[in-house]
Every structure is written in C-alpha cells, then in structure tokens.
PDB file of N, CA and C in Angstrom:
ATOM      1  N   MET A   1       3.237 -10.785  26.788  1.00  0.00           N
ATOM      2  CA  MET A   1       3.373  -9.355  26.843  1.00  0.00           C
ATOM      3  C   MET A   1       3.443  -8.766  25.435  1.00  0.00           C
ATOM      4  N   GLU A   2       4.193  -9.438  24.566  1.00  0.00           N
ATOM      5  CA  GLU A   2       4.336  -8.951  23.187  1.00  0.00           C
ATOM      6  C   GLU A   2       2.989  -8.947  22.459  1.00  0.00           C
ATOM      7  N   LYS A   3       2.194  -9.988  22.662  1.00  0.00           N
ATOM      8  CA  LYS A   3       0.872 -10.031  22.034  1.00  0.00           C
ATOM      9  C   LYS A   3      -0.014  -8.899  22.537  1.00  0.00           C
ATOM     10  N   LEU A   4       0.093  -8.593  23.808  1.00  0.00           N
ATOM     11  CA  LEU A   4      -0.684  -7.504  24.386  1.00  0.00           C
ATOM     12  C   LEU A   4      -0.277  -6.174  23.758  1.00  0.00           C
ATOM     13  N   ARG A   5       1.019  -5.957  23.619  1.00  0.00           N
ATOM     14  CA  ARG A   5       1.522  -4.724  23.021  1.00  0.00           C
ATOM     15  C   ARG A   5       1.097  -4.632  21.551  1.00  0.00           C
ATOM     16  N   LEU A   6       1.207  -5.727  20.836  1.00  0.00           N
ATOM     17  CA  LEU A   6       0.809  -5.751  19.435  1.00  0.00           C
ATOM     18  C   LEU A   6      -0.685  -5.466  19.293  1.00  0.00           C
ATOM     19  N   GLY A   7      -1.481  -6.036  20.161  1.00  0.00           N
ATOM     20  CA  GLY A   7      -2.920  -5.776  20.145  1.00  0.00           C
ATOM     21  C   GLY A   7      -3.227  -4.313  20.399  1.00  0.00           C
ATOM     22  N   TYR A   8      -2.477  -3.694  21.305  1.00  0.00           N
ATOM     23  CA  TYR A   8      -2.664  -2.271  21.598  1.00  0.00           C
ATOM     24  C   TYR A   8      -2.333  -1.432  20.362  1.00  0.00           C
ATOM     25  N   VAL A   9      -1.220  -1.734  19.720  1.00  0.00           N
ATOM     26  CA  VAL A   9      -0.808  -0.985  18.524  1.00  0.00           C
ATOM     27  C   VAL A   9      -1.830  -1.171  17.416  1.00  0.00           C
ATOM     28  N   GLU A  10      -2.278  -2.392  17.199  1.00  0.00           N
ATOM     29  CA  GLU A  10      -3.295  -2.636  16.170  1.00  0.00           C
ATOM     30  C   GLU A  10      -4.566  -1.857  16.477  1.00  0.00           C
ATOM     31  N   GLY A  11      -4.945  -1.796  17.731  1.00  0.00           N
ATOM     32  CA  GLY A  11      -6.132  -1.041  18.124  1.00  0.00           C
ATOM     33  C   GLY A  11      -5.960   0.442  17.862  1.00  0.00           C
ATOM     34  N   GLN A  12      -4.779   0.970  18.152  1.00  0.00           N
ATOM     35  CA  GLN A  12      -4.507   2.384  17.903  1.00  0.00           C
ATOM     36  C   GLN A  12      -4.560   2.697  16.408  1.00  0.00           C
ATOM     37  N   VAL A  13      -4.016   1.813  15.603  1.00  0.00           N
ATOM     38  CA  VAL A  13      -4.054   2.002  14.149  1.00  0.00           C
ATOM     39  C   VAL A  13      -5.497   1.981  13.666  1.00  0.00           C
ATOM     40  N   ALA A  14      -6.280   1.043  14.152  1.00  0.00           N
ATOM     41  CA  ALA A  14      -7.683   0.946  13.737  1.00  0.00           C
ATOM     42  C   ALA A  14      -8.454   2.204  14.103  1.00  0.00           C
ATOM     43  N   VAL A  15      -8.202   2.742  15.297  1.00  0.00           N
ATOM     44  CA  VAL A  15      -8.883   3.970  15.720  1.00  0.00           C
ATOM     45  C   VAL A  15      -8.498   5.129  14.803  1.00  0.00           C
ATOM     46  N   ARG A  16      -7.241   5.223  14.446  1.00  0.00           N
ATOM     47  CA  ARG A  16      -6.792   6.309  13.568  1.00  0.00           C
ATOM     48  C   ARG A  16      -7.357   6.158  12.166  1.00  0.00           C
ATOM     49  N   VAL A  17      -7.416   4.938  11.677  1.00  0.00           N
ATOM     50  CA  VAL A  17      -7.997   4.694  10.356  1.00  0.00           C
ATOM     51  C   VAL A  17      -9.460   5.118  10.347  1.00  0.00           C
ATOM     52  N   MET A  18     -10.200   4.733  11.371  1.00  0.00           N
ATOM     53  CA  MET A  18     -11.617   5.105  11.439  1.00  0.00           C
ATOM     54  C   MET A  18     -11.781   6.620  11.528  1.00  0.00           C
ATOM     55  N   ALA A  19     -10.887   7.289  12.253  1.00  0.00           N
ATOM     56  CA  ALA A  19     -10.965   8.750  12.369  1.00  0.00           C
ATOM     57  C   ALA A  19     -10.731   9.412  11.018  1.00  0.00           C
ATOM     58  N   VAL A  20      -9.748   8.940  10.277  1.00  0.00           N
ATOM     59  CA  VAL A  20      -9.480   9.495   8.941  1.00  0.00           C
ATOM     60  C   VAL A  20     -10.672   9.267   8.033  1.00  0.00           C
ATOM     61  N   MET A  21     -11.221   8.077   8.079  1.00  0.00           N
ATOM     62  CA  MET A  21     -12.378   7.769   7.229  1.00  0.00           C
ATOM     63  C   MET A  21     -13.547   8.683   7.562  1.00  0.00           C
ATOM     64  N   GLU A  22     -13.773   8.914   8.848  1.00  0.00           N
ATOM     65  CA  GLU A  22     -14.897   9.744   9.267  1.00  0.00           C
ATOM     66  C   GLU A  22     -14.682  11.198   8.853  1.00  0.00           C
ATOM     67  N   VAL A  23     -13.487  11.721   9.081  1.00  0.00           N
ATOM     68  CA  VAL A  23     -13.198  13.118   8.760  1.00  0.00           C
ATOM     69  C   VAL A  23     -13.307  13.364   7.257  1.00  0.00           C
ATOM     70  N   ARG A  24     -12.795  12.451   6.474  1.00  0.00           N
ATOM     71  CA  ARG A  24     -12.806  12.633   5.019  1.00  0.00           C
ATOM     72  C   ARG A  24     -14.079  12.121   4.362  1.00  0.00           C
ATOM     73  N   GLY A  25     -14.901  11.459   5.121  1.00  0.00           N
ATOM     74  CA  GLY A  25     -16.144  10.936   4.575  1.00  0.00           C
ATOM     75  C   GLY A  25     -15.935   9.774   3.612  1.00  0.00           C
ATOM     76  N   TRP A  26     -14.893   9.006   3.846  1.00  0.00           N
ATOM     77  CA  TRP A  26     -14.562   7.892   2.959  1.00  0.00           C
ATOM     78  C   TRP A  26     -15.266   6.615   3.398  1.00  0.00           C
ATOM     79  N   SER A  27     -15.590   5.812   2.421  1.00  0.00           N
ATOM     80  CA  SER A  27     -16.040   4.453   2.706  1.00  0.00           C
ATOM     81  C   SER A  27     -14.792   3.586   2.876  1.00  0.00           C
ATOM     82  N   ALA A  28     -14.983   2.346   3.277  1.00  0.00           N
ATOM     83  CA  ALA A  28     -13.847   1.437   3.422  1.00  0.00           C
ATOM     84  C   ALA A  28     -13.143   1.238   2.086  1.00  0.00           C
ATOM     85  N   ALA A  29     -13.909   1.169   1.004  1.00  0.00           N
ATOM     86  CA  ALA A  29     -13.315   0.990  -0.324  1.00  0.00           C
ATOM     87  C   ALA A  29     -12.473   2.202  -0.718  1.00  0.00           C
ATOM     88  N   GLU A  30     -12.974   3.395  -0.418  1.00  0.00           N
ATOM     89  CA  GLU A  30     -12.216   4.599  -0.737  1.00  0.00           C
ATOM     90  C   GLU A  30     -10.926   4.677   0.077  1.00  0.00           C
ATOM     91  N   PHE A  31     -11.015   4.317   1.352  1.00  0.00           N
ATOM     92  CA  PHE A  31      -9.821   4.322   2.186  1.00  0.00           C
ATOM     93  C   PHE A  31      -8.803   3.321   1.653  1.00  0.00           C
ATOM     94  N   THR A  32      -9.272   2.134   1.293  1.00  0.00           N
ATOM     95  CA  THR A  32      -8.380   1.104   0.768  1.00  0.00           C
ATOM     96  C   THR A  32      -7.724   1.573  -0.518  1.00  0.00           C
ATOM     97  N   ARG A  33      -8.498   2.189  -1.396  1.00  0.00           N
ATOM     98  CA  ARG A  33      -7.961   2.692  -2.666  1.00  0.00           C
ATOM     99  C   ARG A  33      -6.856   3.714  -2.403  1.00  0.00           C
ATOM    100  N   GLU A  34      -7.102   4.652  -1.490  1.00  0.00           N
ATOM    101  CA  GLU A  34      -6.102   5.675  -1.168  1.00  0.00           C
ATOM    102  C   GLU A  34      -4.865   5.051  -0.513  1.00  0.00           C
ATOM    103  N   ALA A  35      -5.071   4.075   0.343  1.00  0.00           N
ATOM    104  CA  ALA A  35      -3.945   3.405   0.999  1.00  0.00           C
ATOM    105  C   ALA A  35      -3.084   2.672  -0.029  1.00  0.00           C
ATOM    106  N   VAL A  36      -3.714   2.019  -0.979  1.00  0.00           N
ATOM    107  CA  VAL A  36      -2.974   1.303  -2.021  1.00  0.00           C
ATOM    108  C   VAL A  36      -2.203   2.295  -2.886  1.00  0.00           C
ATOM    109  N   LYS A  37      -2.839   3.420  -3.240  1.00  0.00           N
ATOM    110  CA  LYS A  37      -2.138   4.435  -4.036  1.00  0.00           C
ATOM    111  C   LYS A  37      -0.913   4.953  -3.290  1.00  0.00           C
ATOM    112  N   SER A  38      -1.056   5.209  -2.003  1.00  0.00           N
ATOM    113  CA  SER A  38       0.072   5.693  -1.203  1.00  0.00           C
ATOM    114  C   SER A  38       1.182   4.653  -1.137  1.00  0.00           C
ATOM    115  N   PHE A  39       0.805   3.402  -0.960  1.00  0.00           N
ATOM    116  CA  PHE A  39       1.784   2.320  -0.890  1.00  0.00           C
ATOM    117  C   PHE A  39       2.533   2.189  -2.209  1.00  0.00           C
ATOM    118  N   LEU A  40       1.809   2.221  -3.326  1.00  0.00           N
ATOM    119  CA  LEU A  40       2.455   2.109  -4.631  1.00  0.00           C
ATOM    120  C   LEU A  40       3.362   3.304  -4.908  1.00  0.00           C
ATOM    121  N   SER A  41       2.949   4.464  -4.489  1.00  0.00           N
ATOM    122  CA  SER A  41       3.776   5.660  -4.642  1.00  0.00           C
ATOM    123  C   SER A  41       5.068   5.515  -3.841  1.00  0.00           C
ATOM    124  N   ALA A  42       4.970   5.013  -2.631  1.00  0.00           N
ATOM    125  CA  ALA A  42       6.156   4.801  -1.797  1.00  0.00           C
ATOM    126  C   ALA A  42       7.090   3.786  -2.442  1.00  0.00           C
ATOM    127  N   LEU A  43       6.535   2.752  -3.060  1.00  0.00           N
ATOM    128  CA  LEU A  43       7.368   1.760  -3.754  1.00  0.00           C
ATOM    129  C   LEU A  43       8.092   2.389  -4.937  1.00  0.00           C
ATOM    130  N   GLU A  44       7.411   3.270  -5.665  1.00  0.00           N
ATOM    131  CA  GLU A  44       8.046   3.953  -6.795  1.00  0.00           C
ATOM    132  C   GLU A  44       9.205   4.826  -6.324  1.00  0.00           C
ATOM    133  N   VAL A  45       9.009   5.542  -5.230  1.00  0.00           N
ATOM    134  CA  VAL A  45      10.069   6.384  -4.672  1.00  0.00           C
ATOM    135  C   VAL A  45      11.248   5.514  -4.248  1.00  0.00           C
ATOM    136  N   GLN A  46      10.942   4.396  -3.609  1.00  0.00           N
ATOM    137  CA  GLN A  46      11.992   3.489  -3.158  1.00  0.00           C
ATOM    138  C   GLN A  46      12.760   2.919  -4.349  1.00  0.00           C
ATOM    139  N   ASP A  47      12.046   2.522  -5.399  1.00  0.00           N
ATOM    140  CA  ASP A  47      12.703   1.985  -6.591  1.00  0.00           C
ATOM    141  C   ASP A  47      13.598   3.024  -7.257  1.00  0.00           C
ATOM    142  N   GLU A  48      13.123   4.265  -7.327  1.00  0.00           N
ATOM    143  CA  GLU A  48      13.921   5.347  -7.922  1.00  0.00           C
ATOM    144  C   GLU A  48      15.183   5.586  -7.103  1.00  0.00           C
ATOM    145  N   ALA A  49      15.060   5.588  -5.785  1.00  0.00           N
ATOM    146  CA  ALA A  49      16.229   5.777  -4.923  1.00  0.00           C
ATOM    147  C   ALA A  49      17.220   4.625  -5.107  1.00  0.00           C
ATOM    148  N   ARG A  50      16.701   3.418  -5.234  1.00  0.00           N
ATOM    149  CA  ARG A  50      17.575   2.256  -5.438  1.00  0.00           C
ATOM    150  C   ARG A  50      18.301   2.357  -6.778  1.00  0.00           C
ATOM    151  N   ARG A  51      17.576   2.787  -7.819  1.00  0.00           N
ATOM    152  CA  ARG A  51      18.219   2.936  -9.138  1.00  0.00           C
ATOM    153  C   ARG A  51      19.323   3.987  -9.091  1.00  0.00           C
ATOM    154  N   LYS A  52      19.066   5.107  -8.405  1.00  0.00           N
ATOM    155  CA  LYS A  52      20.086   6.160  -8.290  1.00  0.00           C
ATOM    156  C   LYS A  52      21.302   5.644  -7.522  1.00  0.00           C
ATOM    157  N   ALA A  53      21.058   4.920  -6.452  1.00  0.00           N
ATOM    158  CA  ALA A  53      22.162   4.379  -5.656  1.00  0.00           C
ATOM    159  C   ALA A  53      22.969   3.378  -6.479  1.00  0.00           C
ATOM    160  N   ASP A  54      22.286   2.539  -7.244  1.00  0.00           N
ATOM    161  CA  ASP A  54      22.979   1.574  -8.102  1.00  0.00           C
ATOM    162  C   ASP A  54      23.790   2.288  -9.169  1.00  0.00           C
ATOM    163  N   SER A  55      23.248   3.372  -9.712  1.00  0.00           N
ATOM    164  CA  SER A  55      23.944   4.143 -10.728  1.00  0.00           C
ATOM    165  C   SER A  55      25.219   4.749 -10.163  1.00  0.00           C
ATOM    166  N   VAL A  56      25.132   5.296  -8.969  1.00  0.00           N
ATOM    167  CA  VAL A  56      26.316   5.874  -8.323  1.00  0.00           C
ATOM    168  C   VAL A  56      27.326   4.779  -8.021  1.00  0.00           C
ATOM    169  N   ALA A  57      26.840   3.648  -7.539  1.00  0.00           N
ATOM    170  CA  ALA A  57      27.742   2.535  -7.212  1.00  0.00           C
ATOM    171  C   ALA A  57      28.449   2.022  -8.457  1.00  0.00           C
ATOM    172  N   ASP A  58      27.771   2.018  -9.587  1.00  0.00           N
ATOM    173  CA  ASP A  58      28.384   1.559 -10.835  1.00  0.00           C
ATOM    174  C   ASP A  58      29.478   2.497 -11.311  1.00  0.00           C
ATOM    175  N   LYS A  59      29.381   3.776 -10.960  1.00  0.00           N
ATOM    176  CA  LYS A  59      30.348   4.779 -11.413  1.00  0.00           C
ATOM    177  C   LYS A  59      31.548   4.916 -10.485  1.00  0.00           C
ATOM    178  N   THR A  60      31.465   4.342  -9.304  1.00  0.00           N
ATOM    179  CA  THR A  60      32.587   4.472  -8.372  1.00  0.00           C
ATOM    180  C   THR A  60      33.711   3.539  -8.788  1.00  0.00           C
ATOM    181  N   VAL A  61      34.904   3.974  -8.496  1.00  0.00           N
ATOM    182  CA  VAL A  61      36.085   3.203  -8.858  1.00  0.00           C
ATOM    183  C   VAL A  61      36.434   2.269  -7.706  1.00  0.00           C
ATOM    184  N   PRO A  62      36.526   0.977  -7.974  1.00  0.00           N
ATOM    185  CA  PRO A  62      36.897   0.046  -6.891  1.00  0.00           C
ATOM    186  C   PRO A  62      38.364   0.249  -6.508  1.00  0.00           C
ATOM    187  N   PHE A  63      38.675  -0.010  -5.265  1.00  0.00           N
ATOM    188  CA  PHE A  63      40.051   0.154  -4.784  1.00  0.00           C
ATOM    189  C   PHE A  63      40.885  -1.027  -5.142  1.00  0.00           C
TER     190      PHE A  63
END
C-alpha cells in the first residue's frame, strides 16, 4: 500500500513539474537549474536561522 501511495505522489509531482516547465517554456536543464537555485537559497535561509538561534542560545543564562 505504501509503495502505491508513494508512486501516486511521485506521479503527481512529475505532472506538476511538467506543467511548470510547459507554462514557463523551460527545458529540463532550465528547470533543474531553477530547482537547484531554490534549494540552495532554502539552505542559506536555514543556515542563517540556525546561526541566529545559536547566537541567542549563547547569550542566554543557564540556570
């Protein structure tokens, strides 16, 4: 059952990816480039949030 559900989700993702590519007129390489840029941007945001949290944690007074 889990494999069936996973296959359905993968199929839905593939359909959405193809729709975005068609609407924007992107090739597979262009889509991949944009996806990688988005992923790297998300990692940068995550790293910045982690640094801020660590900074706050370093300034707190332990009990």
